[in-house]
Amino acid sequence: MWKVLIVLLAAAAIVAVEWRSLMERKLKRELWTFFLLCIVGTSLGVAEALQLNIPNPLDWISALYKPLSNLIYGSSA
């Protein structure tokens, strides 16, 4: 539970620092992008802190290209 709290506090500190900078320069699109990426990163951080199974993107890429690799190299494994 402490790890989740640390992740949330770190995210809140980052948002507090960046919010002012982006609002002063009136960068609305960048602000929305920052919040989206911050939510994704915080969610992944909380999931990691809770030791949830997070899928690895490399596994998806490998599964996608495996048939092509088998076709080129002629292996059936």
C-alpha atoms as a PDB file:
ATOM      1  CA  MET A   1       0.000   0.000   0.000  1.00  0.00           C
ATOM      2  CA  TRP A   2       2.904   2.349   0.717  1.00  0.00           C
ATOM      3  CA  LYS A   3       4.276   1.858  -2.783  1.00  0.00           C
ATOM      4  CA  VAL A   4       0.967   2.962  -4.297  1.00  0.00           C
ATOM      5  CA  LEU A   5       0.941   6.053  -2.100  1.00  0.00           C
ATOM      6  CA  ILE A   6       4.503   6.913  -3.156  1.00  0.00           C
ATOM      7  CA  VAL A   7       3.602   6.550  -6.839  1.00  0.00           C
ATOM      8  CA  LEU A   8       0.539   8.776  -6.410  1.00  0.00           C
ATOM      9  CA  LEU A   9       2.492  11.404  -4.462  1.00  0.00           C
ATOM     10  CA  ALA A  10       5.228  11.450  -7.095  1.00  0.00           C
ATOM     11  CA  ALA A  11       2.639  11.862  -9.851  1.00  0.00           C
ATOM     12  CA  ALA A  12       0.937  14.665  -7.917  1.00  0.00           C
ATOM     13  CA  ALA A  13       4.262  16.455  -7.460  1.00  0.00           C
ATOM     14  CA  ILE A  14       5.051  16.188 -11.167  1.00  0.00           C
ATOM     15  CA  VAL A  15       1.608  17.502 -12.104  1.00  0.00           C
ATOM     16  CA  ALA A  16       1.960  20.385  -9.642  1.00  0.00           C
ATOM     17  CA  VAL A  17       5.266  21.449 -11.197  1.00  0.00           C
ATOM     18  CA  GLU A  18       4.247  21.059 -14.818  1.00  0.00           C
ATOM     19  CA  TRP A  19       0.713  22.478 -14.482  1.00  0.00           C
ATOM     20  CA  ARG A  20       1.901  26.009 -13.772  1.00  0.00           C
ATOM     21  CA  SER A  21       4.426  25.991 -16.583  1.00  0.00           C
ATOM     22  CA  LEU A  22       1.949  24.787 -19.184  1.00  0.00           C
ATOM     23  CA  MET A  23      -0.845  27.089 -18.024  1.00  0.00           C
ATOM     24  CA  GLU A  24       1.390  30.186 -18.011  1.00  0.00           C
ATOM     25  CA  ARG A  25       2.385  29.534 -21.614  1.00  0.00           C
ATOM     26  CA  LYS A  26      -1.245  28.673 -22.538  1.00  0.00           C
ATOM     27  CA  LEU A  27      -0.311  25.337 -24.085  1.00  0.00           C
ATOM     28  CA  LYS A  28      -3.686  23.584 -23.955  1.00  0.00           C
ATOM     29  CA  ARG A  29      -2.873  20.707 -26.330  1.00  0.00           C
ATOM     30  CA  GLU A  30       0.372  19.981 -24.540  1.00  0.00           C
ATOM     31  CA  LEU A  31      -1.474  20.066 -21.221  1.00  0.00           C
ATOM     32  CA  TRP A  32      -3.985  17.449 -22.399  1.00  0.00           C
ATOM     33  CA  THR A  33      -1.188  15.296 -23.790  1.00  0.00           C
ATOM     34  CA  PHE A  34       0.748  15.624 -20.548  1.00  0.00           C
ATOM     35  CA  PHE A  35      -2.293  14.584 -18.498  1.00  0.00           C
ATOM     36  CA  LEU A  36      -2.989  11.607 -20.753  1.00  0.00           C
ATOM     37  CA  LEU A  37       0.593  10.368 -20.531  1.00  0.00           C
ATOM     38  CA  CYS A  38       0.671  11.073 -16.803  1.00  0.00           C
ATOM     39  CA  ILE A  39      -2.479   9.016 -16.247  1.00  0.00           C
ATOM     40  CA  VAL A  40      -1.077   6.125 -18.300  1.00  0.00           C
ATOM     41  CA  GLY A  41       2.255   6.257 -16.472  1.00  0.00           C
ATOM     42  CA  THR A  42       0.657   6.541 -13.048  1.00  0.00           C
ATOM     43  CA  SER A  43      -1.679   3.646 -13.821  1.00  0.00           C
ATOM     44  CA  LEU A  44       1.234   1.465 -14.872  1.00  0.00           C
ATOM     45  CA  GLY A  45       3.177   2.533 -11.783  1.00  0.00           C
ATOM     46  CA  VAL A  46       0.280   1.626  -9.494  1.00  0.00           C
ATOM     47  CA  ALA A  47      -0.175  -1.706 -11.282  1.00  0.00           C
ATOM     48  CA  GLU A  48       3.524  -2.447 -10.854  1.00  0.00           C
ATOM     49  CA  ALA A  49       3.370  -1.452  -7.173  1.00  0.00           C
ATOM     50  CA  LEU A  50       0.463  -3.857  -6.693  1.00  0.00           C
ATOM     51  CA  GLN A  51       2.485  -6.557  -8.504  1.00  0.00           C
ATOM     52  CA  LEU A  52      -0.144  -7.087 -11.174  1.00  0.00           C
ATOM     53  CA  ASN A  53       0.747  -8.946 -14.342  1.00  0.00           C
ATOM     54  CA  ILE A  54       1.416  -6.284 -16.976  1.00  0.00           C
ATOM     55  CA  PRO A  55       1.679  -7.636 -20.533  1.00  0.00           C
ATOM     56  CA  ASN A  56       4.946  -7.034 -22.315  1.00  0.00           C
ATOM     57  CA  PRO A  57       4.578  -5.256 -25.706  1.00  0.00           C
ATOM     58  CA  LEU A  58       7.511  -7.268 -27.051  1.00  0.00           C
ATOM     59  CA  ASP A  59       5.429 -10.454 -26.686  1.00  0.00           C
ATOM     60  CA  TRP A  60       2.727  -8.931 -28.916  1.00  0.00           C
ATOM     61  CA  ILE A  61       5.283  -7.903 -31.546  1.00  0.00           C
ATOM     62  CA  SER A  62       6.827 -11.373 -31.467  1.00  0.00           C
ATOM     63  CA  ALA A  63       3.423 -13.041 -31.912  1.00  0.00           C
ATOM     64  CA  LEU A  64       2.626 -10.715 -34.803  1.00  0.00           C
ATOM     65  CA  TYR A  65       5.837 -11.403 -36.723  1.00  0.00           C
ATOM     66  CA  LYS A  66       6.227 -15.107 -35.858  1.00  0.00           C
ATOM     67  CA  PRO A  67       4.221 -16.373 -38.893  1.00  0.00           C
ATOM     68  CA  LEU A  68       6.247 -14.157 -41.233  1.00  0.00           C
ATOM     69  CA  SER A  69       9.464 -15.397 -39.696  1.00  0.00           C
ATOM     70  CA  ASN A  70       8.351 -19.009 -40.097  1.00  0.00           C
ATOM     71  CA  LEU A  71       7.464 -18.351 -43.725  1.00  0.00           C
ATOM     72  CA  ILE A  72      10.843 -16.791 -44.501  1.00  0.00           C
ATOM     73  CA  TYR A  73      13.039 -19.232 -42.599  1.00  0.00           C
ATOM     74  CA  GLY A  74      10.883 -22.302 -43.223  1.00  0.00           C
ATOM     75  CA  SER A  75      10.780 -23.506 -39.645  1.00  0.00           C
ATOM     76  CA  SER A  76       7.653 -24.962 -38.123  1.00  0.00           C
ATOM     77  CA  ALA A  77       8.496 -24.268 -34.459  1.00  0.00           C
END
